[in-house]
């Protein structure tokens, strides 16, 4: 995996979760985009960005502002997606969070 920028990581994240919303019974590992971008830590471009550029645990340094502070908190859409057999509703919430983070980069 080549070095990611904040913008690229968030764009890949948005694309991944858009695909997952359109394919609600698929797993992150099944996303066709991995063929283009290669493997990433936790199958997550934001985790990969944090590892490459910041170091340490990605949950506390994520590019996305998660409810509760990280994707692993019970109230985050990612945790909900994991608990609820993947569902488009939760994937779309993650798309929204990624888009909000992209907008903050442009300010």
Protein backbone atom coordinates (compact mmCIF):
# COMPACT_ATOMS: atom_id res chain seq x y z
CA UNK A 1 0.00 0.00 0.00
CA UNK A 2 1.41 3.36 -0.98
CA UNK A 3 1.30 6.22 1.50
CA UNK A 4 -2.18 7.65 1.94
CA UNK A 5 -3.20 11.28 2.27
CA UNK A 6 -6.07 12.23 4.57
CA UNK A 7 -8.22 13.00 1.57
CA UNK A 8 -7.46 9.73 -0.22
CA UNK A 9 -8.06 7.66 2.92
CA UNK A 10 -11.46 9.29 3.43
CA UNK A 11 -12.40 8.89 -0.23
CA UNK A 12 -11.53 5.19 -0.13
CA UNK A 13 -13.47 4.85 3.13
CA UNK A 14 -16.50 6.51 1.53
CA UNK A 15 -16.28 4.24 -1.52
CA UNK A 16 -15.92 1.12 0.62
CA UNK A 17 -18.96 1.93 2.77
CA UNK A 18 -21.05 3.03 -0.21
CA UNK A 19 -20.40 -0.38 -1.74
CA UNK A 20 -21.25 -2.10 1.55
CA UNK A 21 -24.52 -0.14 1.72
CA UNK A 22 -25.34 -1.37 -1.78
CA UNK A 23 -24.34 -4.95 -0.85
CA UNK A 24 -25.60 -5.31 2.72
CA UNK A 25 -24.78 -8.99 3.13
CA UNK A 26 -21.17 -8.65 2.07
CA UNK A 27 -18.16 -8.28 4.34
CA UNK A 28 -15.52 -5.56 4.14
CA UNK A 29 -13.03 -8.13 2.87
CA UNK A 30 -15.24 -8.76 -0.19
CA UNK A 31 -15.02 -5.18 -1.50
CA UNK A 32 -13.63 -5.19 -5.07
CA UNK A 33 -11.67 -2.01 -4.33
CA UNK A 34 -9.07 -3.97 -2.38
CA UNK A 35 -7.82 -5.22 -5.76
CA UNK A 36 -6.93 -1.62 -6.64
CA UNK A 37 -5.67 -0.37 -3.25
CA UNK A 38 -4.22 -3.49 -1.67
CA UNK A 39 -4.52 -4.70 1.90
CA UNK A 40 -4.94 -2.21 4.74
CA UNK A 41 -4.87 -2.57 8.50
CA UNK A 42 -8.27 -3.62 9.81
CA UNK A 43 -9.50 -3.45 6.20
CA UNK A 44 -9.83 0.27 6.83
CA UNK A 45 -8.20 3.16 4.97
CA UNK A 46 -8.49 5.44 8.02
CA UNK A 47 -6.68 2.89 10.20
CA UNK A 48 -4.04 2.52 7.50
CA UNK A 49 -3.59 6.31 7.30
CA UNK A 50 -3.19 6.57 11.09
CA UNK A 51 -0.62 3.78 11.13
CA UNK A 52 1.38 5.26 8.24
CA UNK A 53 1.32 8.89 9.31
CA UNK A 54 0.65 9.14 13.03
CA UNK A 55 1.64 5.81 14.56
CA UNK A 56 0.00 4.11 17.48
CA UNK A 57 -3.57 2.97 17.91
CA UNK A 58 -5.78 4.17 15.09
CA UNK A 59 -8.94 4.30 17.23
CA UNK A 60 -7.80 7.41 19.07
CA UNK A 61 -6.40 9.10 15.96
CA UNK A 62 -9.06 8.37 13.36
CA UNK A 63 -9.84 10.84 10.59
CA UNK A 64 -13.54 10.29 11.25
CA UNK A 65 -15.31 11.82 14.25
CA UNK A 66 -17.13 8.81 15.63
CA UNK A 67 -19.97 8.95 18.15
CA UNK A 68 -18.33 8.00 21.43
CA UNK A 69 -14.85 8.86 20.14
CA UNK A 70 -13.88 5.80 18.08
CA UNK A 71 -15.32 3.20 15.74
CA UNK A 72 -15.11 0.58 18.49
CA UNK A 73 -17.46 2.39 20.86
CA UNK A 74 -20.86 0.66 21.14
CA UNK A 75 -22.76 3.68 19.79
CA UNK A 76 -20.67 4.06 16.63
CA UNK A 77 -22.26 3.08 13.29
CA UNK A 78 -19.39 0.64 12.71
CA UNK A 79 -20.08 -1.20 15.97
CA UNK A 80 -23.79 -1.22 15.08
CA UNK A 81 -22.96 -2.59 11.63
CA UNK A 82 -20.92 -5.39 13.22
CA UNK A 83 -23.65 -6.25 15.73
CA UNK A 84 -26.57 -6.10 13.32
CA UNK A 85 -25.47 -8.42 10.54
CA UNK A 86 -24.18 -5.63 8.39
CA UNK A 87 -27.08 -3.42 7.29
CA UNK A 88 -27.20 -0.66 4.75
CA UNK A 89 -28.50 1.80 7.35
CA UNK A 90 -25.27 1.66 9.34
CA UNK A 91 -23.04 1.65 6.26
CA UNK A 92 -24.75 4.83 5.03
CA UNK A 93 -24.12 6.48 8.40
CA UNK A 94 -20.41 5.76 7.93
CA UNK A 95 -20.55 7.24 4.41
CA UNK A 96 -22.06 10.38 5.95
CA UNK A 97 -19.31 10.58 8.59
CA UNK A 98 -16.62 10.16 5.92
CA UNK A 99 -18.21 12.91 3.81
CA UNK A 100 -18.37 15.23 6.83
CA UNK A 101 -14.68 14.59 7.49
CA UNK A 102 -13.85 15.35 3.83
CA UNK A 103 -15.74 18.63 4.08
CA UNK A 104 -13.74 19.60 7.19
CA UNK A 105 -10.51 18.99 5.25
CA UNK A 106 -11.56 21.52 2.63
CA UNK A 107 -12.10 24.29 5.20
